[in-house]
Amino acid sequence: MFTEATIDDCEAVAALAQKTFIEAFGHLYRPENREAHVVEKFSAAFFRDALASGDTILMLHDAARLIGYAKVGHLSLPVKPPIARGAQEIHRVYVDKEFQGRGLGKALMLHILSLPRIAAASAVYLGVWEENLRAQHLYTLYGFEPVGKYLYQVGDQADNEIIMARTR
């Protein structure tokens, strides 16, 4: 079941966000970089600010348990050349490791793409770690294509990321 997060959901979203990020990528970073990044980008305050700025946070539930989430909103990726007005970005798509391999990532992507803000966008962008081939494959299933690269900073460490886009 999908619902849109409210301010009251930010603690639960943050707990899942921290868990899924650390499980997926925590091994890549020195502890001090990882911990600072989690506080900055995966805290309840971060998600409250995201909602206040107009972002949408989708929650995926299995019965009463939060098992996945996505964050979508205004474009923040370093896209060149300048893009048309109304472009949107899928900032995050995460499913709890325990529930992966059940088609939930695909279901979450379908729900994201059906959101009015995404469906009406002239272009939709996302960034994905260059070594996350599984996610890249998922995104290509929904019409996303590589259009650039950038560095994703986690403290003083940087990862090579691929910018993917889906245009109308």
N, C-alpha and C. Protein backbone atom coordinates (compact mmCIF):
# COMPACT_ATOMS: atom_id res chain seq x y z
N MET A 1 0.84 -1.18 0.00
CA MET A 1 0.00 0.00 0.00
C MET A 1 0.89 1.24 0.00
N PHE A 2 0.53 2.22 -0.82
CA PHE A 2 1.28 3.46 -0.92
C PHE A 2 0.51 4.59 -0.24
N THR A 3 1.24 5.42 0.49
CA THR A 3 0.66 6.65 1.04
C THR A 3 1.71 7.75 0.90
N GLU A 4 1.24 9.00 0.94
CA GLU A 4 2.16 10.13 0.93
C GLU A 4 2.45 10.52 2.37
N ALA A 5 3.71 10.76 2.66
CA ALA A 5 4.14 11.10 4.01
C ALA A 5 3.66 12.49 4.39
N THR A 6 3.41 12.65 5.68
CA THR A 6 3.14 13.94 6.29
C THR A 6 4.25 14.21 7.30
N ILE A 7 4.20 15.37 7.89
CA ILE A 7 5.19 15.73 8.92
C ILE A 7 5.24 14.65 10.01
N ASP A 8 4.09 14.10 10.35
CA ASP A 8 4.03 13.08 11.41
C ASP A 8 4.76 11.79 11.05
N ASP A 9 5.04 11.57 9.77
CA ASP A 9 5.69 10.34 9.31
C ASP A 9 7.21 10.47 9.21
N CYS A 10 7.74 11.65 9.41
CA CYS A 10 9.16 11.89 9.13
C CYS A 10 10.11 11.08 10.00
N GLU A 11 9.75 10.81 11.25
CA GLU A 11 10.61 9.98 12.10
C GLU A 11 10.72 8.56 11.53
N ALA A 12 9.59 7.99 11.13
CA ALA A 12 9.60 6.63 10.60
C ALA A 12 10.33 6.56 9.26
N VAL A 13 10.11 7.56 8.41
CA VAL A 13 10.81 7.60 7.12
C VAL A 13 12.31 7.72 7.36
N ALA A 14 12.71 8.58 8.28
CA ALA A 14 14.14 8.75 8.58
C ALA A 14 14.76 7.45 9.07
N ALA A 15 14.07 6.73 9.93
CA ALA A 15 14.61 5.46 10.45
C ALA A 15 14.83 4.48 9.30
N LEU A 16 13.86 4.35 8.40
CA LEU A 16 14.02 3.45 7.26
C LEU A 16 15.09 3.97 6.31
N ALA A 17 15.12 5.27 6.07
CA ALA A 17 16.11 5.86 5.17
C ALA A 17 17.53 5.60 5.65
N GLN A 18 17.76 5.78 6.93
CA GLN A 18 19.08 5.53 7.49
C GLN A 18 19.46 4.06 7.36
N LYS A 19 18.53 3.19 7.70
CA LYS A 19 18.78 1.74 7.62
C LYS A 19 19.11 1.31 6.20
N THR A 20 18.29 1.73 5.24
CA THR A 20 18.49 1.28 3.86
C THR A 20 19.75 1.87 3.24
N PHE A 21 20.05 3.14 3.55
CA PHE A 21 21.27 3.75 3.01
C PHE A 21 22.50 3.04 3.55
N ILE A 22 22.53 2.83 4.86
CA ILE A 22 23.70 2.18 5.48
C ILE A 22 23.86 0.75 4.97
N GLU A 23 22.75 0.02 4.85
CA GLU A 23 22.84 -1.36 4.33
C GLU A 23 23.36 -1.38 2.89
N ALA A 24 22.89 -0.45 2.07
CA ALA A 24 23.25 -0.46 0.66
C ALA A 24 24.64 0.13 0.40
N PHE A 25 24.97 1.21 1.11
CA PHE A 25 26.16 1.97 0.74
C PHE A 25 27.12 2.27 1.89
N GLY A 26 26.75 1.90 3.10
CA GLY A 26 27.56 2.24 4.26
C GLY A 26 28.99 1.75 4.19
N HIS A 27 29.20 0.61 3.56
CA HIS A 27 30.54 0.02 3.46
C HIS A 27 31.49 0.85 2.60
N LEU A 28 30.95 1.77 1.81
CA LEU A 28 31.77 2.56 0.90
C LEU A 28 32.49 3.72 1.58
N TYR A 29 32.03 4.10 2.77
CA TYR A 29 32.49 5.34 3.38
C TYR A 29 33.16 5.11 4.73
N ARG A 30 34.10 6.00 5.03
CA ARG A 30 34.68 6.00 6.37
C ARG A 30 33.59 6.37 7.36
N PRO A 31 33.63 5.81 8.56
CA PRO A 31 32.56 6.03 9.54
C PRO A 31 32.21 7.50 9.77
N GLU A 32 33.21 8.37 9.86
CA GLU A 32 32.92 9.79 10.13
C GLU A 32 32.17 10.44 8.96
N ASN A 33 32.49 10.06 7.74
CA ASN A 33 31.78 10.59 6.57
C ASN A 33 30.36 10.04 6.51
N ARG A 34 30.24 8.73 6.73
CA ARG A 34 28.93 8.08 6.69
C ARG A 34 27.99 8.67 7.74
N GLU A 35 28.46 8.79 8.95
CA GLU A 35 27.60 9.29 10.04
C GLU A 35 27.17 10.73 9.81
N ALA A 36 28.09 11.58 9.37
CA ALA A 36 27.74 12.98 9.11
C ALA A 36 26.72 13.07 7.97
N HIS A 37 26.90 12.25 6.95
CA HIS A 37 25.99 12.26 5.81
C HIS A 37 24.59 11.79 6.22
N VAL A 38 24.53 10.76 7.04
CA VAL A 38 23.23 10.26 7.51
C VAL A 38 22.50 11.34 8.29
N VAL A 39 23.20 12.06 9.14
CA VAL A 39 22.58 13.14 9.90
C VAL A 39 22.08 14.25 8.97
N GLU A 40 22.90 14.58 7.97
CA GLU A 40 22.54 15.67 7.06
C GLU A 40 21.43 15.31 6.09
N LYS A 41 21.44 14.11 5.53
CA LYS A 41 20.56 13.75 4.42
C LYS A 41 19.50 12.70 4.72
N PHE A 42 19.50 12.14 5.93
CA PHE A 42 18.57 11.06 6.23
C PHE A 42 17.91 11.22 7.61
N SER A 43 17.85 12.43 8.09
CA SER A 43 17.25 12.69 9.40
C SER A 43 15.79 13.08 9.26
N ALA A 44 15.06 13.02 10.36
CA ALA A 44 13.66 13.47 10.36
C ALA A 44 13.59 14.94 9.97
N ALA A 45 14.54 15.75 10.44
CA ALA A 45 14.55 17.18 10.09
C ALA A 45 14.72 17.37 8.59
N PHE A 46 15.58 16.56 7.97
CA PHE A 46 15.76 16.63 6.51
C PHE A 46 14.44 16.37 5.80
N PHE A 47 13.72 15.33 6.22
CA PHE A 47 12.46 14.99 5.56
C PHE A 47 11.37 16.02 5.84
N ARG A 48 11.35 16.60 7.04
CA ARG A 48 10.41 17.68 7.32
C ARG A 48 10.69 18.87 6.41
N ASP A 49 11.96 19.23 6.25
CA ASP A 49 12.33 20.33 5.35
C ASP A 49 11.94 20.02 3.91
N ALA A 50 12.13 18.76 3.49
CA ALA A 50 11.77 18.37 2.13
C ALA A 50 10.28 18.55 1.89
N LEU A 51 9.47 18.12 2.84
CA LEU A 51 8.02 18.30 2.70
C LEU A 51 7.65 19.78 2.68
N ALA A 52 8.29 20.57 3.55
CA ALA A 52 8.00 22.00 3.62
C ALA A 52 8.37 22.71 2.32
N SER A 53 9.37 22.19 1.61
CA SER A 53 9.79 22.82 0.35
C SER A 53 8.98 22.33 -0.84
N GLY A 54 8.03 21.42 -0.61
CA GLY A 54 7.16 20.96 -1.69
C GLY A 54 7.49 19.61 -2.27
N ASP A 55 8.49 18.92 -1.74
CA ASP A 55 8.80 17.58 -2.23
C ASP A 55 7.69 16.62 -1.81
N THR A 56 7.60 15.51 -2.50
CA THR A 56 6.66 14.44 -2.16
C THR A 56 7.47 13.25 -1.66
N ILE A 57 7.03 12.68 -0.55
CA ILE A 57 7.66 11.47 -0.03
C ILE A 57 6.60 10.39 -0.01
N LEU A 58 6.85 9.36 -0.80
CA LEU A 58 5.94 8.20 -0.84
C LEU A 58 6.41 7.16 0.14
N MET A 59 5.47 6.52 0.77
CA MET A 59 5.79 5.43 1.70
C MET A 59 5.12 4.16 1.19
N LEU A 60 5.84 3.06 1.27
CA LEU A 60 5.34 1.75 0.89
C LEU A 60 5.22 0.92 2.16
N HIS A 61 4.02 0.43 2.42
CA HIS A 61 3.75 -0.33 3.63
C HIS A 61 3.43 -1.78 3.31
N ASP A 62 3.84 -2.66 4.19
CA ASP A 62 3.43 -4.05 4.19
C ASP A 62 2.67 -4.23 5.49
N ALA A 63 1.36 -4.29 5.41
CA ALA A 63 0.50 -4.24 6.60
C ALA A 63 0.78 -2.92 7.31
N ALA A 64 1.21 -2.96 8.55
CA ALA A 64 1.44 -1.73 9.31
C ALA A 64 2.91 -1.31 9.29
N ARG A 65 3.75 -2.01 8.57
CA ARG A 65 5.19 -1.75 8.59
C ARG A 65 5.64 -0.96 7.36
N LEU A 66 6.45 0.06 7.57
CA LEU A 66 7.04 0.83 6.48
C LEU A 66 8.21 0.03 5.92
N ILE A 67 8.15 -0.29 4.62
CA ILE A 67 9.18 -1.14 4.02
C ILE A 67 9.89 -0.49 2.83
N GLY A 68 9.41 0.68 2.42
CA GLY A 68 10.05 1.36 1.31
C GLY A 68 9.62 2.81 1.26
N TYR A 69 10.40 3.60 0.55
CA TYR A 69 10.03 5.00 0.39
C TYR A 69 10.69 5.56 -0.86
N ALA A 70 10.15 6.66 -1.30
CA ALA A 70 10.71 7.41 -2.42
C ALA A 70 10.52 8.89 -2.13
N LYS A 71 11.45 9.69 -2.62
CA LYS A 71 11.38 11.14 -2.48
C LYS A 71 11.49 11.72 -3.87
N VAL A 72 10.53 12.57 -4.24
CA VAL A 72 10.55 13.22 -5.54
C VAL A 72 10.33 14.71 -5.35
N GLY A 73 10.84 15.48 -6.29
CA GLY A 73 10.67 16.93 -6.18
C GLY A 73 11.36 17.67 -7.29
N HIS A 74 11.68 18.90 -6.99
CA HIS A 74 12.30 19.79 -7.97
C HIS A 74 13.71 19.32 -8.31
N LEU A 75 14.12 19.63 -9.50
CA LEU A 75 15.41 19.19 -10.02
C LEU A 75 16.57 19.87 -9.28
N SER A 76 17.49 19.06 -8.79
CA SER A 76 18.69 19.59 -8.13
C SER A 76 19.97 19.04 -8.74
N LEU A 77 19.87 18.10 -9.66
CA LEU A 77 21.05 17.52 -10.30
C LEU A 77 21.71 18.54 -11.23
N PRO A 78 23.02 18.43 -11.41
CA PRO A 78 23.73 19.35 -12.31
C PRO A 78 23.53 18.97 -13.78
N VAL A 79 22.37 19.29 -14.30
CA VAL A 79 22.00 18.91 -15.66
C VAL A 79 22.39 20.03 -16.63
N LYS A 80 23.04 19.64 -17.73
CA LYS A 80 23.41 20.59 -18.78
C LYS A 80 22.97 20.00 -20.09
N PRO A 81 22.49 20.72 -21.05
CA PRO A 81 22.18 22.15 -20.98
C PRO A 81 20.96 22.39 -20.11
N PRO A 82 20.63 23.65 -19.86
CA PRO A 82 19.44 23.93 -19.04
C PRO A 82 18.22 23.19 -19.60
N ILE A 83 17.42 22.71 -18.72
CA ILE A 83 16.27 21.90 -19.11
C ILE A 83 14.99 22.73 -19.09
N ALA A 84 13.98 22.17 -19.69
CA ALA A 84 12.70 22.86 -19.78
C ALA A 84 12.08 23.05 -18.40
N ARG A 85 11.24 24.05 -18.30
CA ARG A 85 10.52 24.29 -17.04
C ARG A 85 9.71 23.07 -16.66
N GLY A 86 9.58 22.88 -15.38
CA GLY A 86 8.74 21.80 -14.90
C GLY A 86 9.42 20.46 -14.78
N ALA A 87 10.73 20.39 -15.03
CA ALA A 87 11.43 19.12 -14.87
C ALA A 87 11.39 18.73 -13.40
N GLN A 88 11.36 17.45 -13.14
CA GLN A 88 11.30 16.91 -11.78
C GLN A 88 12.44 15.92 -11.61
N GLU A 89 12.70 15.59 -10.34
CA GLU A 89 13.75 14.63 -10.02
C GLU A 89 13.21 13.57 -9.07
N ILE A 90 13.59 12.35 -9.33
CA ILE A 90 13.37 11.27 -8.37
C ILE A 90 14.64 11.22 -7.55
N HIS A 91 14.56 11.70 -6.32
CA HIS A 91 15.74 11.82 -5.47
C HIS A 91 16.14 10.49 -4.85
N ARG A 92 15.15 9.68 -4.48
CA ARG A 92 15.46 8.42 -3.81
C ARG A 92 14.38 7.39 -4.07
N VAL A 93 14.80 6.14 -4.18
CA VAL A 93 13.91 5.00 -4.25
C VAL A 93 14.59 3.88 -3.45
N TYR A 94 14.02 3.55 -2.31
CA TYR A 94 14.63 2.53 -1.45
C TYR A 94 13.56 1.56 -0.97
N VAL A 95 13.92 0.27 -0.95
CA VAL A 95 13.09 -0.78 -0.37
C VAL A 95 13.96 -1.50 0.65
N ASP A 96 13.40 -1.78 1.81
CA ASP A 96 14.11 -2.51 2.86
C ASP A 96 14.70 -3.79 2.28
N LYS A 97 15.94 -4.07 2.62
CA LYS A 97 16.66 -5.23 2.07
C LYS A 97 15.88 -6.54 2.24
N GLU A 98 15.20 -6.67 3.37
CA GLU A 98 14.42 -7.88 3.66
C GLU A 98 13.30 -8.11 2.63
N PHE A 99 12.85 -7.05 1.97
CA PHE A 99 11.72 -7.13 1.05
C PHE A 99 12.14 -7.00 -0.42
N GLN A 100 13.43 -6.91 -0.69
CA GLN A 100 13.90 -6.78 -2.06
C GLN A 100 13.72 -8.10 -2.80
N GLY A 101 13.64 -8.02 -4.12
CA GLY A 101 13.48 -9.21 -4.94
C GLY A 101 12.04 -9.66 -5.08
N ARG A 102 11.10 -8.84 -4.62
CA ARG A 102 9.67 -9.20 -4.69
C ARG A 102 8.89 -8.30 -5.65
N GLY A 103 9.60 -7.52 -6.45
CA GLY A 103 8.93 -6.63 -7.40
C GLY A 103 8.46 -5.32 -6.79
N LEU A 104 8.87 -5.05 -5.56
CA LEU A 104 8.39 -3.83 -4.89
C LEU A 104 9.06 -2.57 -5.45
N GLY A 105 10.31 -2.68 -5.90
CA GLY A 105 10.96 -1.55 -6.54
C GLY A 105 10.23 -1.15 -7.81
N LYS A 106 9.81 -2.15 -8.57
CA LYS A 106 9.04 -1.88 -9.80
C LYS A 106 7.69 -1.25 -9.45
N ALA A 107 7.04 -1.77 -8.43
CA ALA A 107 5.75 -1.20 -8.02
C ALA A 107 5.92 0.23 -7.55
N LEU A 108 6.99 0.50 -6.82
CA LEU A 108 7.25 1.85 -6.35
C LEU A 108 7.52 2.78 -7.53
N MET A 109 8.30 2.34 -8.50
CA MET A 109 8.55 3.16 -9.70
C MET A 109 7.26 3.44 -10.45
N LEU A 110 6.41 2.45 -10.62
CA LEU A 110 5.13 2.68 -11.30
C LEU A 110 4.29 3.72 -10.57
N HIS A 111 4.29 3.65 -9.25
CA HIS A 111 3.52 4.62 -8.47
C HIS A 111 4.14 6.01 -8.58
N ILE A 112 5.45 6.10 -8.53
CA ILE A 112 6.12 7.39 -8.70
C ILE A 112 5.74 8.00 -10.05
N LEU A 113 5.83 7.21 -11.10
CA LEU A 113 5.56 7.71 -12.44
C LEU A 113 4.11 8.12 -12.64
N SER A 114 3.22 7.62 -11.78
CA SER A 114 1.80 8.00 -11.89
C SER A 114 1.47 9.27 -11.10
N LEU A 115 2.39 9.74 -10.28
CA LEU A 115 2.14 10.98 -9.53
C LEU A 115 1.92 12.12 -10.52
N PRO A 116 0.93 12.96 -10.30
CA PRO A 116 0.68 14.06 -11.24
C PRO A 116 1.90 14.93 -11.51
N ARG A 117 2.70 15.24 -10.50
CA ARG A 117 3.86 16.10 -10.70
C ARG A 117 4.90 15.43 -11.61
N ILE A 118 4.98 14.12 -11.57
CA ILE A 118 5.93 13.39 -12.41
C ILE A 118 5.34 13.14 -13.79
N ALA A 119 4.08 12.72 -13.84
CA ALA A 119 3.42 12.43 -15.11
C ALA A 119 3.36 13.67 -16.01
N ALA A 120 3.23 14.85 -15.41
CA ALA A 120 3.11 16.10 -16.18
C ALA A 120 4.46 16.74 -16.49
N ALA A 121 5.53 16.24 -15.92
CA ALA A 121 6.84 16.86 -16.08
C ALA A 121 7.35 16.72 -17.51
N SER A 122 8.03 17.78 -17.98
CA SER A 122 8.63 17.74 -19.31
C SER A 122 9.78 16.74 -19.35
N ALA A 123 10.43 16.56 -18.22
CA ALA A 123 11.52 15.60 -18.09
C ALA A 123 11.62 15.18 -16.62
N VAL A 124 12.05 13.95 -16.41
CA VAL A 124 12.27 13.45 -15.05
C VAL A 124 13.70 12.92 -15.01
N TYR A 125 14.43 13.34 -14.00
CA TYR A 125 15.83 12.98 -13.84
C TYR A 125 16.02 12.19 -12.55
N LEU A 126 17.11 11.44 -12.52
CA LEU A 126 17.54 10.77 -11.29
C LEU A 126 19.03 10.53 -11.38
N GLY A 127 19.65 10.35 -10.22
CA GLY A 127 21.06 10.00 -10.16
C GLY A 127 21.19 8.61 -9.57
N VAL A 128 22.15 7.86 -10.08
CA VAL A 128 22.36 6.49 -9.61
C VAL A 128 23.87 6.19 -9.60
N TRP A 129 24.32 5.53 -8.56
CA TRP A 129 25.73 5.16 -8.44
C TRP A 129 26.12 4.32 -9.65
N GLU A 130 27.27 4.62 -10.22
CA GLU A 130 27.68 3.94 -11.46
C GLU A 130 27.84 2.43 -11.30
N GLU A 131 28.04 1.95 -10.09
CA GLU A 131 28.19 0.51 -9.88
C GLU A 131 26.89 -0.17 -9.46
N ASN A 132 25.81 0.58 -9.35
CA ASN A 132 24.52 -0.01 -8.97
C ASN A 132 23.78 -0.43 -10.24
N LEU A 133 24.23 -1.52 -10.81
CA LEU A 133 23.69 -2.00 -12.09
C LEU A 133 22.24 -2.44 -11.96
N ARG A 134 21.89 -2.98 -10.83
CA ARG A 134 20.51 -3.43 -10.61
C ARG A 134 19.53 -2.25 -10.70
N ALA A 135 19.86 -1.15 -10.04
CA ALA A 135 19.00 0.03 -10.11
C ALA A 135 18.99 0.62 -11.51
N GLN A 136 20.14 0.66 -12.16
CA GLN A 136 20.19 1.19 -13.53
C GLN A 136 19.28 0.38 -14.44
N HIS A 137 19.31 -0.93 -14.29
CA HIS A 137 18.45 -1.79 -15.10
C HIS A 137 16.98 -1.47 -14.83
N LEU A 138 16.61 -1.33 -13.57
CA LEU A 138 15.24 -0.98 -13.22
C LEU A 138 14.82 0.32 -13.90
N TYR A 139 15.67 1.33 -13.82
CA TYR A 139 15.31 2.63 -14.38
C TYR A 139 15.18 2.57 -15.90
N THR A 140 16.01 1.77 -16.57
CA THR A 140 15.89 1.67 -18.03
C THR A 140 14.57 1.00 -18.43
N LEU A 141 14.05 0.13 -17.58
CA LEU A 141 12.75 -0.50 -17.86
C LEU A 141 11.64 0.55 -17.96
N TYR A 142 11.84 1.68 -17.31
CA TYR A 142 10.82 2.74 -17.29
C TYR A 142 11.21 3.94 -18.15
N GLY A 143 12.10 3.70 -19.11
CA GLY A 143 12.40 4.71 -20.11
C GLY A 143 13.49 5.71 -19.77
N PHE A 144 14.22 5.48 -18.70
CA PHE A 144 15.31 6.38 -18.34
C PHE A 144 16.56 6.00 -19.12
N GLU A 145 17.30 7.03 -19.56
CA GLU A 145 18.54 6.82 -20.30
C GLU A 145 19.64 7.67 -19.70
N PRO A 146 20.88 7.20 -19.73
CA PRO A 146 21.99 8.01 -19.23
C PRO A 146 22.15 9.30 -20.04
N VAL A 147 22.33 10.41 -19.33
CA VAL A 147 22.51 11.71 -20.01
C VAL A 147 23.70 12.49 -19.46
N GLY A 148 24.36 11.97 -18.44
CA GLY A 148 25.50 12.69 -17.88
C GLY A 148 26.04 11.99 -16.66
N LYS A 149 27.02 12.65 -16.04
CA LYS A 149 27.64 12.13 -14.82
C LYS A 149 27.88 13.28 -13.86
N TYR A 150 28.05 12.94 -12.59
CA TYR A 150 28.42 13.93 -11.58
C TYR A 150 29.03 13.20 -10.39
N LEU A 151 29.59 13.95 -9.47
CA LEU A 151 30.16 13.39 -8.25
C LEU A 151 29.18 13.60 -7.10
N TYR A 152 28.90 12.53 -6.37
CA TYR A 152 28.03 12.57 -5.20
C TYR A 152 28.94 12.59 -3.98
N GLN A 153 28.91 13.67 -3.22
CA GLN A 153 29.79 13.85 -2.07
C GLN A 153 29.21 13.25 -0.81
N VAL A 154 30.03 12.51 -0.12
CA VAL A 154 29.73 12.01 1.23
C VAL A 154 30.95 12.37 2.06
N GLY A 155 30.85 13.50 2.75
CA GLY A 155 32.01 14.02 3.46
C GLY A 155 33.09 14.38 2.46
N ASP A 156 34.30 13.90 2.69
CA ASP A 156 35.39 14.20 1.75
C ASP A 156 35.59 13.08 0.72
N GLN A 157 34.61 12.16 0.65
CA GLN A 157 34.65 11.10 -0.35
C GLN A 157 33.61 11.41 -1.43
N ALA A 158 33.91 10.99 -2.65
CA ALA A 158 32.99 11.24 -3.76
C ALA A 158 32.78 9.96 -4.56
N ASP A 159 31.54 9.75 -4.98
CA ASP A 159 31.19 8.61 -5.82
C ASP A 159 30.83 9.11 -7.21
N ASN A 160 31.18 8.32 -8.21
CA ASN A 160 30.75 8.62 -9.57
C ASN A 160 29.31 8.19 -9.73
N GLU A 161 28.49 9.13 -10.14
CA GLU A 161 27.06 8.88 -10.33
C GLU A 161 26.68 9.13 -11.78
N ILE A 162 25.71 8.41 -12.24
CA ILE A 162 25.16 8.58 -13.59
C ILE A 162 23.85 9.34 -13.46
N ILE A 163 23.69 10.36 -14.29
CA ILE A 163 22.42 11.07 -14.38
C ILE A 163 21.62 10.40 -15.48
N MET A 164 20.40 10.01 -15.14
CA MET A 164 19.51 9.39 -16.12
C MET A 164 18.28 10.29 -16.27
N ALA A 165 17.70 10.27 -17.47
CA ALA A 165 16.54 11.11 -17.73
C ALA A 165 15.49 10.34 -18.52
N ARG A 166 14.27 10.76 -18.29
CA ARG A 166 13.13 10.26 -19.06
C ARG A 166 12.41 11.51 -19.54
N THR A 167 12.31 11.66 -20.86
CA THR A 167 11.65 12.84 -21.42
C THR A 167 10.41 12.41 -22.18
N ARG A 168 9.55 13.38 -22.38
CA ARG A 168 8.32 13.08 -23.12
C ARG A 168 8.53 13.26 -24.59
